[in-house]
């Protein structure tokens, strides 16, 4: 099976456990405009048919740079209508915590150039990382909500592209 064929297979209808139906491509384009990004083509095509999907093959392995260990997580895709709300909530949490005495919570909490598209179920998010990549195929990272490393980093690299991320799923 070729590399591109694996993406198609991994995102096929047979691997969708549950979803919230379809979403109009115009809703995706409006979201892109509102948050000033362009999503990877494969993501847009998949989410149009399977909005907020949970997959049968939902696990992936990565090196957790925050906790300094090999790790495993799973993904449930966030519904398109909830992505902007999730970003706003995380940014609001960043500013609300500024008055908190626990600087661990507020310093560099969430970056608006991280665009969450998946949830791990434990409060962490799988994100497109547009911080240094303005193109339509940014790397994929995992953002950790409750811990950061000694440099206040909450982000671990997962894959160099959405396609690579989907190919990692098992």
N, C-alpha and C. Protein backbone atom coordinates (compact mmCIF):
# COMPACT_ATOMS: atom_id res chain seq x y z
N UNK A 1 0.86 -1.18 0.00
CA UNK A 1 0.00 0.00 0.00
C UNK A 1 0.90 1.24 0.00
N UNK A 2 0.62 2.17 -0.91
CA UNK A 2 1.38 3.41 -0.99
C UNK A 2 1.09 4.34 0.17
N UNK A 3 1.96 5.31 0.34
CA UNK A 3 1.86 6.25 1.45
C UNK A 3 0.53 7.00 1.44
N UNK A 4 0.15 7.55 0.29
CA UNK A 4 -1.12 8.26 0.17
C UNK A 4 -2.32 7.36 0.33
N UNK A 5 -2.19 6.11 -0.10
CA UNK A 5 -3.29 5.15 0.03
C UNK A 5 -3.58 4.84 1.49
N UNK A 6 -2.54 4.88 2.33
CA UNK A 6 -2.74 4.61 3.75
C UNK A 6 -3.60 5.70 4.39
N UNK A 7 -3.37 6.96 4.01
CA UNK A 7 -4.18 8.06 4.53
C UNK A 7 -5.64 7.84 4.18
N UNK A 8 -5.90 7.52 2.91
CA UNK A 8 -7.27 7.28 2.46
C UNK A 8 -7.89 6.13 3.24
N UNK A 9 -7.14 5.05 3.42
CA UNK A 9 -7.65 3.89 4.17
C UNK A 9 -7.90 4.27 5.63
N UNK A 10 -6.94 4.96 6.27
CA UNK A 10 -7.08 5.30 7.69
C UNK A 10 -8.25 6.25 7.94
N UNK A 11 -8.59 7.07 6.97
CA UNK A 11 -9.71 8.01 7.11
C UNK A 11 -10.98 7.51 6.41
N UNK A 12 -11.00 6.24 6.04
CA UNK A 12 -12.15 5.70 5.32
C UNK A 12 -13.35 5.54 6.26
N UNK A 13 -14.51 5.45 5.65
CA UNK A 13 -15.76 5.29 6.39
C UNK A 13 -15.72 4.08 7.32
N UNK A 14 -15.03 3.02 6.91
CA UNK A 14 -14.94 1.81 7.71
C UNK A 14 -14.23 2.05 9.04
N UNK A 15 -13.36 3.05 9.10
CA UNK A 15 -12.61 3.33 10.32
C UNK A 15 -13.30 4.38 11.20
N UNK A 16 -14.44 4.90 10.78
CA UNK A 16 -15.16 5.89 11.58
C UNK A 16 -16.10 5.16 12.53
N UNK A 17 -15.83 5.27 13.80
CA UNK A 17 -16.65 4.63 14.82
C UNK A 17 -17.95 5.40 15.01
N UNK A 18 -17.84 6.72 15.13
CA UNK A 18 -19.00 7.60 15.31
C UNK A 18 -18.60 8.99 14.84
N UNK A 19 -19.58 9.75 14.35
CA UNK A 19 -19.32 11.14 13.99
C UNK A 19 -20.60 11.94 14.17
N UNK A 20 -20.52 13.23 13.91
CA UNK A 20 -21.68 14.12 14.03
C UNK A 20 -22.21 14.51 12.66
N UNK A 21 -22.03 13.64 11.69
CA UNK A 21 -22.56 13.88 10.36
C UNK A 21 -21.65 14.75 9.51
N UNK A 22 -22.26 15.44 8.58
CA UNK A 22 -21.51 16.25 7.62
C UNK A 22 -21.49 17.71 8.05
N UNK A 23 -20.58 18.43 7.46
CA UNK A 23 -20.49 19.87 7.65
C UNK A 23 -20.24 20.48 6.28
N UNK A 24 -20.81 21.63 6.05
CA UNK A 24 -20.66 22.31 4.78
C UNK A 24 -19.25 22.87 4.65
N UNK A 25 -18.64 22.70 3.50
CA UNK A 25 -17.28 23.22 3.27
C UNK A 25 -17.21 24.72 3.52
N UNK A 26 -18.32 25.42 3.33
CA UNK A 26 -18.32 26.86 3.59
C UNK A 26 -18.12 27.17 5.08
N UNK A 27 -18.59 26.28 5.96
CA UNK A 27 -18.36 26.47 7.39
C UNK A 27 -16.87 26.34 7.71
N UNK A 28 -16.21 25.41 7.05
CA UNK A 28 -14.77 25.24 7.25
C UNK A 28 -14.03 26.46 6.73
N UNK A 29 -14.42 26.94 5.55
CA UNK A 29 -13.77 28.14 4.98
C UNK A 29 -13.99 29.36 5.86
N UNK A 30 -15.18 29.49 6.47
CA UNK A 30 -15.46 30.61 7.37
C UNK A 30 -14.59 30.52 8.63
N UNK A 31 -14.44 29.31 9.15
CA UNK A 31 -13.58 29.11 10.31
C UNK A 31 -12.14 29.47 9.96
N UNK A 32 -11.67 29.01 8.81
CA UNK A 32 -10.31 29.35 8.38
C UNK A 32 -10.13 30.87 8.32
N UNK A 33 -11.11 31.55 7.77
CA UNK A 33 -11.04 33.01 7.67
C UNK A 33 -11.02 33.65 9.06
N UNK A 34 -11.88 33.16 9.96
CA UNK A 34 -11.97 33.73 11.31
C UNK A 34 -10.69 33.57 12.11
N UNK A 35 -9.98 32.46 11.91
CA UNK A 35 -8.77 32.22 12.69
C UNK A 35 -7.50 32.39 11.86
N UNK A 36 -7.65 32.86 10.63
CA UNK A 36 -6.53 33.22 9.74
C UNK A 36 -5.58 32.06 9.45
N UNK A 37 -6.15 30.92 9.06
CA UNK A 37 -5.34 29.77 8.67
C UNK A 37 -5.98 29.11 7.45
N UNK A 38 -5.24 28.22 6.84
CA UNK A 38 -5.77 27.33 5.81
C UNK A 38 -5.47 25.91 6.28
N UNK A 39 -6.52 25.10 6.43
CA UNK A 39 -6.35 23.73 6.89
C UNK A 39 -5.78 22.85 5.78
N UNK A 40 -5.08 21.78 6.15
CA UNK A 40 -4.63 20.82 5.15
C UNK A 40 -5.83 20.26 4.39
N UNK A 41 -5.62 20.03 3.11
CA UNK A 41 -6.68 19.54 2.23
C UNK A 41 -7.30 18.24 2.75
N UNK A 42 -6.46 17.31 3.18
CA UNK A 42 -6.95 16.01 3.66
C UNK A 42 -7.86 16.18 4.88
N UNK A 43 -7.49 17.10 5.77
CA UNK A 43 -8.31 17.35 6.95
C UNK A 43 -9.67 17.90 6.54
N UNK A 44 -9.67 18.92 5.68
CA UNK A 44 -10.93 19.52 5.23
C UNK A 44 -11.83 18.51 4.56
N UNK A 45 -11.25 17.69 3.69
CA UNK A 45 -12.04 16.68 2.97
C UNK A 45 -12.64 15.66 3.94
N UNK A 46 -11.88 15.26 4.94
CA UNK A 46 -12.36 14.27 5.90
C UNK A 46 -13.45 14.86 6.79
N UNK A 47 -13.21 16.03 7.33
CA UNK A 47 -14.13 16.62 8.30
C UNK A 47 -15.47 17.01 7.66
N UNK A 48 -15.48 17.29 6.36
CA UNK A 48 -16.73 17.57 5.65
C UNK A 48 -17.68 16.38 5.77
N UNK A 49 -17.14 15.18 5.66
CA UNK A 49 -17.96 13.97 5.71
C UNK A 49 -18.13 13.40 7.11
N UNK A 50 -17.16 13.66 7.99
CA UNK A 50 -17.17 13.04 9.31
C UNK A 50 -16.83 14.06 10.39
N UNK A 51 -17.71 15.02 10.58
CA UNK A 51 -17.50 16.09 11.55
C UNK A 51 -17.46 15.53 12.97
N UNK A 52 -16.39 15.85 13.71
CA UNK A 52 -16.28 15.39 15.09
C UNK A 52 -16.12 13.89 15.23
N UNK A 53 -15.42 13.26 14.31
CA UNK A 53 -15.32 11.80 14.26
C UNK A 53 -14.46 11.22 15.37
N UNK A 54 -14.83 10.03 15.78
CA UNK A 54 -13.97 9.15 16.57
C UNK A 54 -13.69 7.95 15.67
N UNK A 55 -12.42 7.58 15.59
CA UNK A 55 -12.01 6.51 14.69
C UNK A 55 -11.77 5.21 15.43
N UNK A 56 -11.87 4.10 14.71
CA UNK A 56 -11.51 2.80 15.25
C UNK A 56 -10.02 2.78 15.52
N UNK A 57 -9.23 3.27 14.57
CA UNK A 57 -7.78 3.37 14.74
C UNK A 57 -7.49 4.79 15.22
N UNK A 58 -7.42 4.96 16.53
CA UNK A 58 -7.30 6.32 17.08
C UNK A 58 -6.04 6.55 17.90
N UNK A 59 -5.18 5.55 18.04
CA UNK A 59 -3.99 5.67 18.87
C UNK A 59 -2.77 6.06 18.05
N UNK A 60 -1.85 6.77 18.73
CA UNK A 60 -0.59 7.13 18.10
C UNK A 60 0.49 7.24 19.17
N UNK A 61 1.72 6.95 18.78
CA UNK A 61 2.87 7.04 19.67
C UNK A 61 3.68 8.28 19.30
N UNK A 62 4.31 8.89 20.31
CA UNK A 62 5.14 10.07 20.09
C UNK A 62 6.06 10.24 21.28
N UNK A 63 7.07 11.10 21.13
CA UNK A 63 7.93 11.42 22.26
C UNK A 63 7.36 12.64 22.96
N UNK A 64 6.97 12.49 24.20
CA UNK A 64 6.39 13.57 25.00
C UNK A 64 7.52 14.46 25.51
N UNK A 65 7.69 15.60 24.86
CA UNK A 65 8.77 16.52 25.21
C UNK A 65 8.53 17.22 26.54
N UNK A 66 7.29 17.30 26.96
CA UNK A 66 6.96 17.94 28.24
C UNK A 66 7.37 17.04 29.40
N UNK A 67 7.04 15.75 29.31
CA UNK A 67 7.33 14.80 30.38
C UNK A 67 8.61 14.01 30.13
N UNK A 68 9.24 14.21 28.97
CA UNK A 68 10.51 13.56 28.62
C UNK A 68 10.41 12.03 28.64
N UNK A 69 9.43 11.52 27.86
CA UNK A 69 9.24 10.07 27.78
C UNK A 69 8.48 9.70 26.52
N UNK A 70 8.62 8.44 26.10
CA UNK A 70 7.78 7.92 25.02
C UNK A 70 6.36 7.83 25.55
N UNK A 71 5.40 8.13 24.69
CA UNK A 71 4.03 8.17 25.16
C UNK A 71 3.08 7.70 24.07
N UNK A 72 1.85 7.43 24.49
CA UNK A 72 0.79 7.02 23.58
C UNK A 72 -0.46 7.82 23.93
N UNK A 73 -1.16 8.27 22.92
CA UNK A 73 -2.42 8.99 23.10
C UNK A 73 -3.41 8.49 22.08
N UNK A 74 -4.62 8.99 22.18
CA UNK A 74 -5.64 8.70 21.18
C UNK A 74 -6.32 10.03 20.83
N UNK A 75 -7.02 10.03 19.70
CA UNK A 75 -7.65 11.26 19.21
C UNK A 75 -9.14 11.05 18.97
N UNK A 76 -9.90 12.06 19.33
CA UNK A 76 -11.28 12.22 18.88
C UNK A 76 -11.31 13.60 18.23
N UNK A 77 -11.75 13.67 17.00
CA UNK A 77 -11.75 14.94 16.29
C UNK A 77 -12.77 15.91 16.91
N UNK A 78 -12.42 17.16 16.96
CA UNK A 78 -13.30 18.20 17.49
C UNK A 78 -14.25 18.64 16.38
N UNK A 79 -15.53 18.84 16.73
CA UNK A 79 -16.49 19.34 15.76
C UNK A 79 -16.06 20.73 15.29
N UNK A 80 -16.27 21.00 14.00
CA UNK A 80 -15.86 22.27 13.40
C UNK A 80 -16.42 23.46 14.19
N UNK A 81 -17.68 23.40 14.57
CA UNK A 81 -18.28 24.54 15.27
C UNK A 81 -17.67 24.76 16.65
N UNK A 82 -16.95 23.77 17.19
CA UNK A 82 -16.35 23.90 18.52
C UNK A 82 -14.89 24.31 18.51
N UNK A 83 -14.26 24.33 17.35
CA UNK A 83 -12.83 24.66 17.29
C UNK A 83 -12.56 26.09 17.75
N UNK A 84 -13.28 27.05 17.18
CA UNK A 84 -13.05 28.44 17.55
C UNK A 84 -13.40 28.67 19.03
N UNK A 85 -14.45 28.05 19.50
CA UNK A 85 -14.84 28.16 20.90
C UNK A 85 -13.75 27.59 21.82
N UNK A 86 -13.15 26.47 21.43
CA UNK A 86 -12.08 25.86 22.20
C UNK A 86 -10.88 26.79 22.29
N UNK A 87 -10.52 27.39 21.16
CA UNK A 87 -9.40 28.35 21.14
C UNK A 87 -9.71 29.51 22.08
N UNK A 88 -10.90 30.07 21.97
CA UNK A 88 -11.28 31.21 22.83
C UNK A 88 -11.24 30.84 24.30
N UNK A 89 -11.73 29.65 24.64
CA UNK A 89 -11.71 29.21 26.04
C UNK A 89 -10.29 29.08 26.56
N UNK A 90 -9.39 28.51 25.75
CA UNK A 90 -8.00 28.35 26.18
C UNK A 90 -7.30 29.69 26.31
N UNK A 91 -7.58 30.61 25.39
CA UNK A 91 -6.98 31.95 25.49
C UNK A 91 -7.54 32.70 26.69
N UNK A 92 -8.83 32.53 26.95
CA UNK A 92 -9.43 33.18 28.11
C UNK A 92 -8.81 32.63 29.40
N UNK A 93 -8.60 31.33 29.44
CA UNK A 93 -7.96 30.71 30.61
C UNK A 93 -6.58 31.31 30.83
N UNK A 94 -5.87 31.58 29.74
CA UNK A 94 -4.54 32.19 29.84
C UNK A 94 -4.61 33.54 30.54
N UNK A 95 -5.57 34.37 30.16
CA UNK A 95 -5.66 35.71 30.75
C UNK A 95 -6.31 35.67 32.12
N UNK A 96 -7.26 34.77 32.35
CA UNK A 96 -7.88 34.66 33.67
C UNK A 96 -6.88 34.23 34.73
N UNK A 97 -5.93 33.40 34.34
CA UNK A 97 -4.96 32.90 35.30
C UNK A 97 -3.87 33.90 35.64
N UNK A 98 -3.83 35.05 34.96
CA UNK A 98 -2.78 36.01 35.23
C UNK A 98 -2.80 36.52 36.67
N UNK A 99 -3.99 36.56 37.27
CA UNK A 99 -4.08 37.02 38.64
C UNK A 99 -3.84 35.89 39.64
N UNK A 100 -3.79 34.68 39.16
CA UNK A 100 -3.53 33.53 40.02
C UNK A 100 -2.08 33.58 40.50
N UNK A 101 -1.85 33.17 41.72
CA UNK A 101 -0.48 33.20 42.24
C UNK A 101 0.36 32.07 41.67
N UNK A 102 -0.27 31.09 41.07
CA UNK A 102 0.47 29.98 40.48
C UNK A 102 0.88 30.36 39.06
N UNK A 103 2.08 30.92 38.92
CA UNK A 103 2.56 31.36 37.61
C UNK A 103 2.68 30.19 36.65
N UNK A 104 2.77 28.98 37.18
CA UNK A 104 2.85 27.78 36.36
C UNK A 104 1.66 27.68 35.42
N UNK A 105 0.50 28.17 35.86
CA UNK A 105 -0.70 28.10 35.04
C UNK A 105 -0.76 29.18 33.96
N UNK A 106 -0.22 30.33 34.23
CA UNK A 106 -0.48 31.44 33.32
C UNK A 106 0.65 31.73 32.35
N UNK A 107 1.88 31.40 32.69
CA UNK A 107 2.99 31.76 31.82
C UNK A 107 2.97 30.93 30.55
N UNK A 108 2.78 31.60 29.42
CA UNK A 108 2.83 30.93 28.13
C UNK A 108 1.84 29.75 28.06
N UNK A 109 0.63 29.94 28.56
CA UNK A 109 -0.33 28.84 28.67
C UNK A 109 -0.77 28.30 27.31
N UNK A 110 -1.28 29.17 26.44
CA UNK A 110 -1.75 28.71 25.14
C UNK A 110 -1.44 29.76 24.08
N UNK A 111 -1.01 29.31 22.92
CA UNK A 111 -0.66 30.20 21.82
C UNK A 111 -1.78 30.17 20.78
N UNK A 112 -2.24 31.35 20.37
CA UNK A 112 -3.36 31.42 19.41
C UNK A 112 -3.01 30.86 18.04
N UNK A 113 -1.75 30.56 17.79
CA UNK A 113 -1.35 29.95 16.52
C UNK A 113 -1.38 28.42 16.58
N UNK A 114 -1.76 27.88 17.72
CA UNK A 114 -2.02 26.44 17.83
C UNK A 114 -3.51 26.26 17.60
N UNK A 115 -3.88 25.45 16.64
CA UNK A 115 -5.29 25.26 16.30
C UNK A 115 -5.69 23.83 16.64
N UNK A 116 -6.42 23.65 17.75
CA UNK A 116 -6.81 22.30 18.15
C UNK A 116 -7.83 21.70 17.18
N UNK A 117 -7.57 20.47 16.76
CA UNK A 117 -8.53 19.76 15.90
C UNK A 117 -8.90 18.41 16.49
N UNK A 118 -8.19 18.01 17.55
CA UNK A 118 -8.47 16.74 18.19
C UNK A 118 -8.29 16.84 19.69
N UNK A 119 -9.01 16.00 20.39
CA UNK A 119 -9.01 15.97 21.86
C UNK A 119 -8.52 14.60 22.29
N UNK A 120 -7.68 14.56 23.33
CA UNK A 120 -7.18 13.28 23.82
C UNK A 120 -8.10 12.66 24.87
N UNK A 121 -9.06 13.43 25.34
CA UNK A 121 -9.97 12.95 26.37
C UNK A 121 -9.49 13.27 27.77
N UNK A 122 -8.26 13.74 27.92
CA UNK A 122 -7.73 14.06 29.23
C UNK A 122 -7.44 15.54 29.40
N UNK A 123 -7.97 16.37 28.51
CA UNK A 123 -7.75 17.80 28.61
C UNK A 123 -6.65 18.33 27.72
N UNK A 124 -5.93 17.44 27.04
CA UNK A 124 -4.88 17.85 26.11
C UNK A 124 -5.45 17.86 24.70
N UNK A 125 -4.80 18.61 23.81
CA UNK A 125 -5.31 18.76 22.45
C UNK A 125 -4.25 18.44 21.41
N UNK A 126 -4.68 17.84 20.31
CA UNK A 126 -3.85 17.66 19.14
C UNK A 126 -4.12 18.86 18.26
N UNK A 127 -3.04 19.55 17.87
CA UNK A 127 -3.17 20.85 17.20
C UNK A 127 -2.36 20.92 15.92
N UNK A 128 -2.87 21.74 15.01
CA UNK A 128 -2.06 22.21 13.90
C UNK A 128 -1.19 23.32 14.48
N UNK A 129 0.10 23.30 14.18
CA UNK A 129 1.02 24.29 14.74
C UNK A 129 1.38 25.33 13.67
N UNK A 130 0.68 26.46 13.72
CA UNK A 130 0.92 27.54 12.77
C UNK A 130 1.88 28.60 13.32
N UNK A 131 2.54 28.34 14.43
CA UNK A 131 3.43 29.34 15.02
C UNK A 131 4.56 29.73 14.08
N UNK A 132 5.17 28.78 13.44
CA UNK A 132 6.26 29.06 12.50
C UNK A 132 5.93 28.65 11.08
N UNK A 133 4.68 28.19 10.88
CA UNK A 133 4.28 27.66 9.57
C UNK A 133 2.96 28.30 9.16
N UNK A 134 3.00 29.18 8.20
CA UNK A 134 1.77 29.85 7.77
C UNK A 134 1.10 29.13 6.60
N UNK A 135 1.72 28.11 6.07
CA UNK A 135 1.17 27.39 4.94
C UNK A 135 0.01 26.50 5.36
N UNK A 136 -0.52 25.76 4.39
CA UNK A 136 -1.70 24.93 4.64
C UNK A 136 -1.35 23.50 5.09
N UNK A 137 -0.12 23.25 5.45
CA UNK A 137 0.25 21.92 5.90
C UNK A 137 1.22 22.00 7.09
N UNK A 138 0.73 22.55 8.20
CA UNK A 138 1.60 22.73 9.37
C UNK A 138 1.89 21.41 10.08
N UNK A 139 2.91 21.39 10.92
CA UNK A 139 3.16 20.20 11.73
C UNK A 139 2.04 19.97 12.74
N UNK A 140 2.01 18.78 13.28
CA UNK A 140 1.02 18.39 14.28
C UNK A 140 1.74 18.29 15.63
N UNK A 141 1.14 18.88 16.65
CA UNK A 141 1.71 18.84 18.00
C UNK A 141 0.63 18.44 18.99
N UNK A 142 1.08 18.00 20.15
CA UNK A 142 0.17 17.74 21.26
C UNK A 142 0.42 18.84 22.29
N UNK A 143 -0.65 19.54 22.68
CA UNK A 143 -0.57 20.60 23.69
C UNK A 143 -1.05 20.03 25.02
N UNK A 144 -0.21 20.15 26.04
CA UNK A 144 -0.48 19.59 27.36
C UNK A 144 -1.06 20.67 28.27
N UNK A 145 -2.22 20.44 28.84
CA UNK A 145 -2.91 21.46 29.63
C UNK A 145 -2.41 21.59 31.07
N UNK A 146 -1.90 20.52 31.66
CA UNK A 146 -1.63 20.59 33.09
C UNK A 146 -0.17 20.64 33.48
N UNK A 147 0.73 20.45 32.58
CA UNK A 147 2.15 20.49 32.89
C UNK A 147 2.91 21.24 31.81
N UNK A 148 4.08 21.71 32.18
CA UNK A 148 5.01 22.23 31.18
C UNK A 148 6.41 21.86 31.64
N UNK A 149 7.36 21.91 30.71
CA UNK A 149 8.72 21.54 31.09
C UNK A 149 9.44 22.72 31.74
N UNK A 150 10.71 22.56 32.01
CA UNK A 150 11.48 23.60 32.70
C UNK A 150 11.58 24.90 31.91
N UNK A 151 11.30 24.85 30.61
CA UNK A 151 11.32 26.05 29.77
C UNK A 151 9.91 26.58 29.50
N UNK A 152 8.94 26.14 30.28
CA UNK A 152 7.54 26.54 30.17
C UNK A 152 6.89 26.04 28.88
N UNK A 153 7.47 25.01 28.27
CA UNK A 153 6.93 24.43 27.04
C UNK A 153 5.80 23.46 27.38
N UNK A 154 4.69 23.59 26.69
CA UNK A 154 3.55 22.69 26.87
C UNK A 154 3.30 21.85 25.61
N UNK A 155 4.19 21.95 24.64
CA UNK A 155 3.94 21.37 23.32
C UNK A 155 4.95 20.27 23.01
N UNK A 156 4.44 19.16 22.48
CA UNK A 156 5.29 18.07 22.00
C UNK A 156 5.02 17.85 20.52
N UNK A 157 6.07 17.75 19.75
CA UNK A 157 5.96 17.46 18.32
C UNK A 157 5.41 16.05 18.15
N UNK A 158 4.47 15.89 17.19
CA UNK A 158 3.89 14.58 16.91
C UNK A 158 4.20 14.14 15.48
N UNK A 159 3.96 15.00 14.50
CA UNK A 159 4.18 14.63 13.10
C UNK A 159 4.45 15.88 12.26
N UNK A 160 5.14 15.70 11.14
CA UNK A 160 5.49 16.87 10.32
C UNK A 160 4.33 17.38 9.47
N UNK A 161 3.26 16.59 9.35
CA UNK A 161 2.09 17.01 8.57
C UNK A 161 0.86 16.22 9.01
N UNK A 162 -0.31 16.68 8.57
CA UNK A 162 -1.54 15.96 8.87
C UNK A 162 -1.50 14.56 8.26
N UNK A 163 -1.00 14.47 7.04
CA UNK A 163 -0.89 13.18 6.36
C UNK A 163 -0.02 12.22 7.17
N UNK A 164 1.13 12.70 7.64
CA UNK A 164 2.00 11.84 8.46
C UNK A 164 1.30 11.43 9.76
N UNK A 165 0.56 12.35 10.35
CA UNK A 165 -0.17 12.04 11.57
C UNK A 165 -1.19 10.93 11.33
N UNK A 166 -1.97 11.05 10.28
CA UNK A 166 -2.99 10.03 9.97
C UNK A 166 -2.32 8.68 9.71
N UNK A 167 -1.15 8.72 9.07
CA UNK A 167 -0.42 7.46 8.80
C UNK A 167 0.11 6.81 10.07
N UNK A 168 0.23 7.57 11.16
CA UNK A 168 0.72 7.04 12.44
C UNK A 168 -0.36 6.26 13.19
N UNK A 169 -1.61 6.53 12.88
CA UNK A 169 -2.70 5.96 13.67
C UNK A 169 -2.77 4.44 13.54
N UNK A 170 -3.07 3.84 14.66
CA UNK A 170 -3.27 2.38 14.69
C UNK A 170 -4.37 2.03 15.67
